[in-house]
């Protein structure tokens, strides 16, 4: 069984714009955060997904490993975590047409 490690999750606002995902970050702004303990990448992704679904808004999750060494597969498992994405492509097209 995998060793239990500490992680910190931060959720940043995000949306889909055509084929791209846009994440918004502002200095000095506060974003939802949570510290968790997870054993293995599957457990970690399950807990991140649960936190993002509880948040309920369109977001991208940033996961930080608080252990001295990251576990194998950490980067690949956590590099593209987006949840509840809203497509804003139509909004831009409508604004351009007006």
PDB file of N, CA and C in Angstrom:
ATOM      1  N   UNK A   1       0.835  -1.182   0.000  1.00  0.00           N
ATOM      2  CA  UNK A   1       0.000   0.000   0.000  1.00  0.00           C
ATOM      3  C   UNK A   1       0.879   1.244   0.000  1.00  0.00           C
ATOM      4  N   UNK A   2       0.424   2.280  -0.646  1.00  0.00           N
ATOM      5  CA  UNK A   2       1.188   3.521  -0.769  1.00  0.00           C
ATOM      6  C   UNK A   2       1.249   4.258   0.572  1.00  0.00           C
ATOM      7  N   UNK A   3       2.323   4.995   0.738  1.00  0.00           N
ATOM      8  CA  UNK A   3       2.525   5.776   1.953  1.00  0.00           C
ATOM      9  C   UNK A   3       1.602   6.995   1.958  1.00  0.00           C
ATOM     10  N   UNK A   4       1.036   7.330   3.107  1.00  0.00           N
ATOM     11  CA  UNK A   4       0.150   8.492   3.223  1.00  0.00           C
ATOM     12  C   UNK A   4       0.988   9.764   3.306  1.00  0.00           C
ATOM     13  N   UNK A   5       0.682  10.731   2.429  1.00  0.00           N
ATOM     14  CA  UNK A   5       1.403  12.003   2.378  1.00  0.00           C
ATOM     15  C   UNK A   5       0.427  13.168   2.516  1.00  0.00           C
ATOM     16  N   UNK A   6       0.973  14.326   2.890  1.00  0.00           N
ATOM     17  CA  UNK A   6       0.174  15.548   3.021  1.00  0.00           C
ATOM     18  C   UNK A   6       0.211  16.327   1.710  1.00  0.00           C
ATOM     19  N   UNK A   7      -0.939  16.902   1.351  1.00  0.00           N
ATOM     20  CA  UNK A   7      -1.063  17.701   0.132  1.00  0.00           C
ATOM     21  C   UNK A   7      -1.881  18.949   0.441  1.00  0.00           C
ATOM     22  N   UNK A   8      -1.691  19.975  -0.382  1.00  0.00           N
ATOM     23  CA  UNK A   8      -2.513  21.174  -0.297  1.00  0.00           C
ATOM     24  C   UNK A   8      -3.136  21.405  -1.667  1.00  0.00           C
ATOM     25  N   UNK A   9      -4.448  21.595  -1.675  1.00  0.00           N
ATOM     26  CA  UNK A   9      -5.196  21.815  -2.920  1.00  0.00           C
ATOM     27  C   UNK A   9      -5.662  23.264  -2.936  1.00  0.00           C
ATOM     28  N   UNK A  10      -5.475  23.933  -4.066  1.00  0.00           N
ATOM     29  CA  UNK A  10      -6.002  25.278  -4.277  1.00  0.00           C
ATOM     30  C   UNK A  10      -6.819  25.261  -5.554  1.00  0.00           C
ATOM     31  N   UNK A  11      -8.014  25.837  -5.518  1.00  0.00           N
ATOM     32  CA  UNK A  11      -8.885  25.896  -6.693  1.00  0.00           C
ATOM     33  C   UNK A  11      -8.869  27.305  -7.281  1.00  0.00           C
ATOM     34  N   UNK A  12      -8.533  27.405  -8.560  1.00  0.00           N
ATOM     35  CA  UNK A  12      -8.493  28.688  -9.261  1.00  0.00           C
ATOM     36  C   UNK A  12      -9.617  28.743 -10.285  1.00  0.00           C
ATOM     37  N   UNK A  13     -10.240  29.916 -10.494  1.00  0.00           N
ATOM     38  CA  UNK A  13     -11.293  30.028 -11.514  1.00  0.00           C
ATOM     39  C   UNK A  13     -10.748  29.664 -12.895  1.00  0.00           C
ATOM     40  N   UNK A  14     -11.538  28.928 -13.664  1.00  0.00           N
ATOM     41  CA  UNK A  14     -11.128  28.518 -15.009  1.00  0.00           C
ATOM     42  C   UNK A  14     -12.363  28.401 -15.890  1.00  0.00           C
ATOM     43  N   UNK A  15     -12.149  28.519 -17.204  1.00  0.00           N
ATOM     44  CA  UNK A  15     -13.227  28.293 -18.162  1.00  0.00           C
ATOM     45  C   UNK A  15     -12.628  27.832 -19.486  1.00  0.00           C
ATOM     46  N   UNK A  16     -13.481  27.278 -20.324  1.00  0.00           N
ATOM     47  CA  UNK A  16     -13.048  26.824 -21.649  1.00  0.00           C
ATOM     48  C   UNK A  16     -13.316  27.949 -22.649  1.00  0.00           C
ATOM     49  N   UNK A  17     -12.325  28.212 -23.496  1.00  0.00           N
ATOM     50  CA  UNK A  17     -12.449  29.229 -24.539  1.00  0.00           C
ATOM     51  C   UNK A  17     -12.017  28.574 -25.851  1.00  0.00           C
ATOM     52  N   UNK A  18     -12.979  28.020 -26.565  1.00  0.00           N
ATOM     53  CA  UNK A  18     -12.667  27.270 -27.774  1.00  0.00           C
ATOM     54  C   UNK A  18     -11.953  25.978 -27.396  1.00  0.00           C
ATOM     55  N   UNK A  19     -10.753  25.774 -27.962  1.00  0.00           N
ATOM     56  CA  UNK A  19      -9.978  24.573 -27.665  1.00  0.00           C
ATOM     57  C   UNK A  19      -9.065  24.752 -26.461  1.00  0.00           C
ATOM     58  N   UNK A  20      -9.079  25.922 -25.848  1.00  0.00           N
ATOM     59  CA  UNK A  20      -8.168  26.221 -24.747  1.00  0.00           C
ATOM     60  C   UNK A  20      -8.893  26.276 -23.410  1.00  0.00           C
ATOM     61  N   UNK A  21      -8.161  25.996 -22.346  1.00  0.00           N
ATOM     62  CA  UNK A  21      -8.665  26.178 -20.988  1.00  0.00           C
ATOM     63  C   UNK A  21      -7.924  27.370 -20.402  1.00  0.00           C
ATOM     64  N   UNK A  22      -8.673  28.358 -19.925  1.00  0.00           N
ATOM     65  CA  UNK A  22      -8.100  29.581 -19.384  1.00  0.00           C
ATOM     66  C   UNK A  22      -8.276  29.570 -17.869  1.00  0.00           C
ATOM     67  N   UNK A  23      -7.158  29.705 -17.151  1.00  0.00           N
ATOM     68  CA  UNK A  23      -7.189  29.766 -15.694  1.00  0.00           C
ATOM     69  C   UNK A  23      -6.879  31.191 -15.274  1.00  0.00           C
ATOM     70  N   UNK A  24      -7.670  31.740 -14.361  1.00  0.00           N
ATOM     71  CA  UNK A  24      -7.474  33.115 -13.904  1.00  0.00           C
ATOM     72  C   UNK A  24      -6.790  33.116 -12.552  1.00  0.00           C
ATOM     73  N   UNK A  25      -5.760  33.943 -12.426  1.00  0.00           N
ATOM     74  CA  UNK A  25      -5.035  34.065 -11.168  1.00  0.00           C
ATOM     75  C   UNK A  25      -4.763  35.539 -10.912  1.00  0.00           C
ATOM     76  N   UNK A  26      -5.108  36.029  -9.737  1.00  0.00           N
ATOM     77  CA  UNK A  26      -4.836  37.417  -9.363  1.00  0.00           C
ATOM     78  C   UNK A  26      -4.041  37.425  -8.074  1.00  0.00           C
ATOM     79  N   UNK A  27      -3.010  38.241  -8.046  1.00  0.00           N
ATOM     80  CA  UNK A  27      -2.208  38.387  -6.833  1.00  0.00           C
ATOM     81  C   UNK A  27      -3.082  38.952  -5.722  1.00  0.00           C
ATOM     82  N   UNK A  28      -2.830  38.528  -4.513  1.00  0.00           N
ATOM     83  CA  UNK A  28      -3.514  38.995  -3.315  1.00  0.00           C
ATOM     84  C   UNK A  28      -4.988  38.584  -3.252  1.00  0.00           C
ATOM     85  N   UNK A  29      -5.437  37.754  -4.151  1.00  0.00           N
ATOM     86  CA  UNK A  29      -6.815  37.255  -4.088  1.00  0.00           C
ATOM     87  C   UNK A  29      -6.823  35.979  -3.243  1.00  0.00           C
ATOM     88  N   UNK A  30      -7.967  35.657  -2.673  1.00  0.00           N
ATOM     89  CA  UNK A  30      -8.057  34.421  -1.895  1.00  0.00           C
ATOM     90  C   UNK A  30      -8.848  33.387  -2.701  1.00  0.00           C
ATOM     91  N   UNK A  31      -8.360  32.177  -2.664  1.00  0.00           N
ATOM     92  CA  UNK A  31      -8.966  31.080  -3.398  1.00  0.00           C
ATOM     93  C   UNK A  31      -9.240  29.935  -2.425  1.00  0.00           C
ATOM     94  N   UNK A  32     -10.221  29.085  -2.721  1.00  0.00           N
ATOM     95  CA  UNK A  32     -10.515  27.958  -1.829  1.00  0.00           C
ATOM     96  C   UNK A  32      -9.298  27.037  -1.700  1.00  0.00           C
ATOM     97  N   UNK A  33      -8.943  26.698  -0.461  1.00  0.00           N
ATOM     98  CA  UNK A  33      -7.819  25.813  -0.194  1.00  0.00           C
ATOM     99  C   UNK A  33      -8.233  24.721   0.782  1.00  0.00           C
ATOM    100  N   UNK A  34      -7.532  23.606   0.694  1.00  0.00           N
ATOM    101  CA  UNK A  34      -7.799  22.506   1.618  1.00  0.00           C
ATOM    102  C   UNK A  34      -6.535  21.661   1.739  1.00  0.00           C
ATOM    103  N   UNK A  35      -6.231  21.255   2.967  1.00  0.00           N
ATOM    104  CA  UNK A  35      -5.125  20.318   3.197  1.00  0.00           C
ATOM    105  C   UNK A  35      -5.706  18.933   3.396  1.00  0.00           C
ATOM    106  N   UNK A  36      -5.081  17.967   2.734  1.00  0.00           N
ATOM    107  CA  UNK A  36      -5.563  16.591   2.812  1.00  0.00           C
ATOM    108  C   UNK A  36      -4.401  15.635   3.019  1.00  0.00           C
ATOM    109  N   UNK A  37      -4.727  14.402   3.388  1.00  0.00           N
ATOM    110  CA  UNK A  37      -3.776  13.298   3.435  1.00  0.00           C
ATOM    111  C   UNK A  37      -4.299  12.256   2.463  1.00  0.00           C
ATOM    112  N   UNK A  38      -3.401  11.743   1.623  1.00  0.00           N
ATOM    113  CA  UNK A  38      -3.814  10.747   0.647  1.00  0.00           C
ATOM    114  C   UNK A  38      -2.742   9.670   0.518  1.00  0.00           C
ATOM    115  N   UNK A  39      -3.178   8.460   0.277  1.00  0.00           N
ATOM    116  CA  UNK A  39      -2.282   7.322   0.067  1.00  0.00           C
ATOM    117  C   UNK A  39      -2.389   6.901  -1.391  1.00  0.00           C
ATOM    118  N   UNK A  40      -1.464   7.306  -2.199  1.00  0.00           N
ATOM    119  CA  UNK A  40      -1.465   6.932  -3.608  1.00  0.00           C
ATOM    120  C   UNK A  40      -2.154   7.964  -4.486  1.00  0.00           C
ATOM    121  N   UNK A  41      -1.874   7.877  -5.783  1.00  0.00           N
ATOM    122  CA  UNK A  41      -2.399   8.862  -6.737  1.00  0.00           C
ATOM    123  C   UNK A  41      -3.909   8.729  -6.924  1.00  0.00           C
ATOM    124  N   UNK A  42      -4.440   7.528  -6.924  1.00  0.00           N
ATOM    125  CA  UNK A  42      -5.892   7.365  -7.088  1.00  0.00           C
ATOM    126  C   UNK A  42      -6.651   8.001  -5.934  1.00  0.00           C
ATOM    127  N   UNK A  43      -6.163   7.796  -4.727  1.00  0.00           N
ATOM    128  CA  UNK A  43      -6.782   8.396  -3.545  1.00  0.00           C
ATOM    129  C   UNK A  43      -6.691   9.915  -3.620  1.00  0.00           C
ATOM    130  N   UNK A  44      -5.542  10.423  -4.038  1.00  0.00           N
ATOM    131  CA  UNK A  44      -5.345  11.875  -4.164  1.00  0.00           C
ATOM    132  C   UNK A  44      -6.323  12.469  -5.170  1.00  0.00           C
ATOM    133  N   UNK A  45      -6.418  11.884  -6.344  1.00  0.00           N
ATOM    134  CA  UNK A  45      -7.305  12.408  -7.384  1.00  0.00           C
ATOM    135  C   UNK A  45      -8.763  12.335  -6.933  1.00  0.00           C
ATOM    136  N   UNK A  46      -9.143  11.274  -6.234  1.00  0.00           N
ATOM    137  CA  UNK A  46     -10.514  11.160  -5.706  1.00  0.00           C
ATOM    138  C   UNK A  46     -10.820  12.302  -4.737  1.00  0.00           C
ATOM    139  N   UNK A  47      -9.878  12.614  -3.858  1.00  0.00           N
ATOM    140  CA  UNK A  47     -10.099  13.673  -2.868  1.00  0.00           C
ATOM    141  C   UNK A  47     -10.110  15.057  -3.512  1.00  0.00           C
ATOM    142  N   UNK A  48      -9.258  15.272  -4.523  1.00  0.00           N
ATOM    143  CA  UNK A  48      -9.263  16.549  -5.250  1.00  0.00           C
ATOM    144  C   UNK A  48     -10.586  16.718  -5.989  1.00  0.00           C
ATOM    145  N   UNK A  49     -11.041  15.663  -6.638  1.00  0.00           N
ATOM    146  CA  UNK A  49     -12.313  15.700  -7.373  1.00  0.00           C
ATOM    147  C   UNK A  49     -13.473  15.989  -6.426  1.00  0.00           C
ATOM    148  N   UNK A  50     -13.484  15.348  -5.271  1.00  0.00           N
ATOM    149  CA  UNK A  50     -14.545  15.583  -4.295  1.00  0.00           C
ATOM    150  C   UNK A  50     -14.548  17.040  -3.826  1.00  0.00           C
ATOM    151  N   UNK A  51     -13.379  17.602  -3.547  1.00  0.00           N
ATOM    152  CA  UNK A  51     -13.278  18.999  -3.113  1.00  0.00           C
ATOM    153  C   UNK A  51     -13.764  19.946  -4.209  1.00  0.00           C
ATOM    154  N   UNK A  52     -13.378  19.687  -5.457  1.00  0.00           N
ATOM    155  CA  UNK A  52     -13.803  20.544  -6.570  1.00  0.00           C
ATOM    156  C   UNK A  52     -15.305  20.456  -6.802  1.00  0.00           C
ATOM    157  N   UNK A  53     -15.882  19.268  -6.670  1.00  0.00           N
ATOM    158  CA  UNK A  53     -17.323  19.112  -6.864  1.00  0.00           C
ATOM    159  C   UNK A  53     -18.103  19.791  -5.735  1.00  0.00           C
ATOM    160  N   UNK A  54     -17.570  19.760  -4.524  1.00  0.00           N
ATOM    161  CA  UNK A  54     -18.205  20.471  -3.413  1.00  0.00           C
ATOM    162  C   UNK A  54     -18.164  21.974  -3.656  1.00  0.00           C
ATOM    163  N   UNK A  55     -17.077  22.444  -4.250  1.00  0.00           N
ATOM    164  CA  UNK A  55     -16.937  23.869  -4.580  1.00  0.00           C
ATOM    165  C   UNK A  55     -17.991  24.246  -5.620  1.00  0.00           C
ATOM    166  N   UNK A  56     -18.179  23.398  -6.626  1.00  0.00           N
ATOM    167  CA  UNK A  56     -19.272  23.540  -7.570  1.00  0.00           C
ATOM    168  C   UNK A  56     -19.079  24.506  -8.711  1.00  0.00           C
ATOM    169  N   UNK A  57     -18.046  25.326  -8.699  1.00  0.00           N
ATOM    170  CA  UNK A  57     -17.848  26.296  -9.777  1.00  0.00           C
ATOM    171  C   UNK A  57     -16.783  25.798 -10.746  1.00  0.00           C
ATOM    172  N   UNK A  58     -16.723  26.420 -11.907  1.00  0.00           N
ATOM    173  CA  UNK A  58     -15.731  26.099 -12.912  1.00  0.00           C
ATOM    174  C   UNK A  58     -14.342  26.430 -12.369  1.00  0.00           C
ATOM    175  N   UNK A  59     -13.455  25.425 -12.299  1.00  0.00           N
ATOM    176  CA  UNK A  59     -12.158  25.674 -11.659  1.00  0.00           C
ATOM    177  C   UNK A  59     -11.070  24.732 -12.162  1.00  0.00           C
ATOM    178  N   UNK A  60      -9.848  25.142 -11.906  1.00  0.00           N
ATOM    179  CA  UNK A  60      -8.667  24.320 -12.116  1.00  0.00           C
ATOM    180  C   UNK A  60      -8.039  24.074 -10.762  1.00  0.00           C
ATOM    181  N   UNK A  61      -7.600  22.854 -10.508  1.00  0.00           N
ATOM    182  CA  UNK A  61      -7.031  22.518  -9.204  1.00  0.00           C
ATOM    183  C   UNK A  61      -5.516  22.472  -9.284  1.00  0.00           C
ATOM    184  N   UNK A  62      -4.877  23.128  -8.343  1.00  0.00           N
ATOM    185  CA  UNK A  62      -3.432  23.068  -8.190  1.00  0.00           C
ATOM    186  C   UNK A  62      -3.156  22.248  -6.939  1.00  0.00           C
ATOM    187  N   UNK A  63      -2.346  21.202  -7.083  1.00  0.00           N
ATOM    188  CA  UNK A  63      -2.047  20.319  -5.961  1.00  0.00           C
ATOM    189  C   UNK A  63      -0.565  20.443  -5.629  1.00  0.00           C
ATOM    190  N   UNK A  64      -0.293  20.692  -4.377  1.00  0.00           N
ATOM    191  CA  UNK A  64       1.091  20.838  -3.907  1.00  0.00           C
ATOM    192  C   UNK A  64       1.384  19.727  -2.907  1.00  0.00           C
ATOM    193  N   UNK A  65       2.454  19.002  -3.135  1.00  0.00           N
ATOM    194  CA  UNK A  65       2.868  17.944  -2.223  1.00  0.00           C
ATOM    195  C   UNK A  65       3.689  18.582  -1.113  1.00  0.00           C
ATOM    196  N   UNK A  66       3.300  18.368   0.145  1.00  0.00           N
ATOM    197  CA  UNK A  66       3.985  18.970   1.281  1.00  0.00           C
ATOM    198  C   UNK A  66       5.087  18.071   1.837  1.00  0.00           C
ATOM    199  N   UNK A  67       5.272  16.905   1.271  1.00  0.00           N
ATOM    200  CA  UNK A  67       6.342  15.996   1.686  1.00  0.00           C
ATOM    201  C   UNK A  67       7.665  16.438   1.053  1.00  0.00           C
ATOM    202  N   UNK A  68       8.790  16.043   1.633  1.00  0.00           N
ATOM    203  CA  UNK A  68      10.088  16.430   1.065  1.00  0.00           C
ATOM    204  C   UNK A  68      10.309  15.935  -0.368  1.00  0.00           C
ATOM    205  N   UNK A  69       9.760  14.759  -0.692  1.00  0.00           N
ATOM    206  CA  UNK A  69       9.885  14.218  -2.053  1.00  0.00           C
ATOM    207  C   UNK A  69       8.510  13.881  -2.597  1.00  0.00           C
ATOM    208  N   UNK A  70       8.290  14.234  -3.859  1.00  0.00           N
ATOM    209  CA  UNK A  70       7.018  13.904  -4.505  1.00  0.00           C
ATOM    210  C   UNK A  70       6.996  12.421  -4.852  1.00  0.00           C
ATOM    211  N   UNK A  71       5.835  11.789  -4.755  1.00  0.00           N
ATOM    212  CA  UNK A  71       5.743  10.365  -5.112  1.00  0.00           C
ATOM    213  C   UNK A  71       5.819  10.180  -6.629  1.00  0.00           C
ATOM    214  N   UNK A  72       6.182   8.986  -7.080  1.00  0.00           N
ATOM    215  CA  UNK A  72       6.235   8.715  -8.517  1.00  0.00           C
ATOM    216  C   UNK A  72       4.865   8.923  -9.165  1.00  0.00           C
ATOM    217  N   UNK A  73       4.842   9.559 -10.320  1.00  0.00           N
ATOM    218  CA  UNK A  73       3.596   9.791 -11.051  1.00  0.00           C
ATOM    219  C   UNK A  73       2.826  11.014 -10.598  1.00  0.00           C
ATOM    220  N   UNK A  74       3.361  11.793  -9.650  1.00  0.00           N
ATOM    221  CA  UNK A  74       2.645  12.955  -9.110  1.00  0.00           C
ATOM    222  C   UNK A  74       2.390  14.008 -10.187  1.00  0.00           C
ATOM    223  N   UNK A  75       3.418  14.364 -10.944  1.00  0.00           N
ATOM    224  CA  UNK A  75       3.263  15.417 -11.944  1.00  0.00           C
ATOM    225  C   UNK A  75       2.233  15.026 -13.009  1.00  0.00           C
ATOM    226  N   UNK A  76       2.350  13.835 -13.521  1.00  0.00           N
ATOM    227  CA  UNK A  76       1.424  13.393 -14.574  1.00  0.00           C
ATOM    228  C   UNK A  76      -0.013  13.338 -14.061  1.00  0.00           C
ATOM    229  N   UNK A  77      -0.191  12.919 -12.823  1.00  0.00           N
ATOM    230  CA  UNK A  77      -1.539  12.775 -12.260  1.00  0.00           C
ATOM    231  C   UNK A  77      -2.186  14.116 -11.930  1.00  0.00           C
ATOM    232  N   UNK A  78      -1.375  15.159 -11.685  1.00  0.00           N
ATOM    233  CA  UNK A  78      -1.937  16.418 -11.196  1.00  0.00           C
ATOM    234  C   UNK A  78      -1.776  17.603 -12.136  1.00  0.00           C
ATOM    235  N   UNK A  79      -1.235  17.422 -13.335  1.00  0.00           N
ATOM    236  CA  UNK A  79      -0.951  18.579 -14.178  1.00  0.00           C
ATOM    237  C   UNK A  79      -2.172  19.170 -14.892  1.00  0.00           C
ATOM    238  N   UNK A  80      -3.193  18.425 -15.155  1.00  0.00           N
ATOM    239  CA  UNK A  80      -4.366  18.935 -15.884  1.00  0.00           C
ATOM    240  C   UNK A  80      -5.656  18.589 -15.158  1.00  0.00           C
ATOM    241  N   UNK A  81      -5.865  19.182 -14.005  1.00  0.00           N
ATOM    242  CA  UNK A  81      -7.070  18.898 -13.229  1.00  0.00           C
ATOM    243  C   UNK A  81      -8.040  20.075 -13.345  1.00  0.00           C
ATOM    244  N   UNK A  82      -9.052  19.915 -14.189  1.00  0.00           N
ATOM    245  CA  UNK A  82     -10.077  20.942 -14.392  1.00  0.00           C
ATOM    246  C   UNK A  82     -11.437  20.329 -14.128  1.00  0.00           C
ATOM    247  N   UNK A  83     -12.322  21.098 -13.497  1.00  0.00           N
ATOM    248  CA  UNK A  83     -13.631  20.577 -13.110  1.00  0.00           C
ATOM    249  C   UNK A  83     -14.722  21.586 -13.432  1.00  0.00           C
ATOM    250  N   UNK A  84     -15.893  21.084 -13.808  1.00  0.00           N
ATOM    251  CA  UNK A  84     -17.095  21.898 -14.036  1.00  0.00           C
ATOM    252  C   UNK A  84     -16.843  23.021 -15.042  1.00  0.00           C
ATOM    253  N   UNK A  85     -16.046  22.773 -16.074  1.00  0.00           N
ATOM    254  CA  UNK A  85     -15.676  23.842 -17.001  1.00  0.00           C
ATOM    255  C   UNK A  85     -16.874  24.394 -17.758  1.00  0.00           C
ATOM    256  N   UNK A  86     -16.940  25.720 -17.827  1.00  0.00           N
ATOM    257  CA  UNK A  86     -17.977  26.436 -18.558  1.00  0.00           C
ATOM    258  C   UNK A  86     -17.357  26.899 -19.877  1.00  0.00           C
ATOM    259  N   UNK A  87     -18.057  26.710 -20.984  1.00  0.00           N
ATOM    260  CA  UNK A  87     -17.545  27.137 -22.290  1.00  0.00           C
ATOM    261  C   UNK A  87     -17.991  28.567 -22.560  1.00  0.00           C
ATOM    262  N   UNK A  88     -17.043  29.478 -22.655  1.00  0.00           N
ATOM    263  CA  UNK A  88     -17.355  30.888 -22.889  1.00  0.00           C
ATOM    264  C   UNK A  88     -17.078  31.320 -24.321  1.00  0.00           C
ATOM    265  N   UNK A  89     -16.895  30.390 -25.221  1.00  0.00           N
ATOM    266  CA  UNK A  89     -16.633  30.710 -26.621  1.00  0.00           C
ATOM    267  C   UNK A  89     -17.821  31.451 -27.223  1.00  0.00           C
ATOM    268  N   UNK A  90     -19.046  31.000 -26.953  1.00  0.00           N
ATOM    269  CA  UNK A  90     -20.256  31.624 -27.510  1.00  0.00           C
ATOM    270  C   UNK A  90     -20.416  33.056 -26.996  1.00  0.00           C
ATOM    271  N   UNK A  91     -20.047  33.310 -25.746  1.00  0.00           N
ATOM    272  CA  UNK A  91     -20.159  34.664 -25.190  1.00  0.00           C
ATOM    273  C   UNK A  91     -19.282  35.650 -25.955  1.00  0.00           C
ATOM    274  N   UNK A  92     -18.070  35.228 -26.308  1.00  0.00           N
ATOM    275  CA  UNK A  92     -17.156  36.111 -27.044  1.00  0.00           C
ATOM    276  C   UNK A  92     -17.657  36.351 -28.462  1.00  0.00           C
ATOM    277  N   UNK A  93     -18.185  35.300 -29.093  1.00  0.00           N
ATOM    278  CA  UNK A  93     -18.708  35.456 -30.455  1.00  0.00           C
ATOM    279  C   UNK A  93     -19.902  36.397 -30.460  1.00  0.00           C
ATOM    280  N   UNK A  94     -20.755  36.285 -29.453  1.00  0.00           N
ATOM    281  CA  UNK A  94     -21.924  37.168 -29.344  1.00  0.00           C
ATOM    282  C   UNK A  94     -21.506  38.608 -29.104  1.00  0.00           C
ATOM    283  N   UNK A  95     -20.483  38.845 -28.326  1.00  0.00           N
ATOM    284  CA  UNK A  95     -20.005  40.203 -28.034  1.00  0.00           C
ATOM    285  C   UNK A  95     -19.348  40.788 -29.294  1.00  0.00           C
ATOM    286  N   UNK A  96     -18.654  39.963 -30.067  1.00  0.00           N
ATOM    287  CA  UNK A  96     -17.998  40.453 -31.285  1.00  0.00           C
ATOM    288  C   UNK A  96     -19.031  40.817 -32.358  1.00  0.00           C
ATOM    289  N   UNK A  97     -20.141  40.092 -32.403  1.00  0.00           N
ATOM    290  CA  UNK A  97     -21.168  40.351 -33.386  1.00  0.00           C
ATOM    291  C   UNK A  97     -21.968  41.621 -33.063  1.00  0.00           C
ATOM    292  N   UNK A  98     -22.027  41.986 -31.813  1.00  0.00           N
ATOM    293  CA  UNK A  98     -22.829  43.145 -31.399  1.00  0.00           C
ATOM    294  C   UNK A  98     -22.158  44.465 -31.734  1.00  0.00           C
TER     295      UNK A  98
END
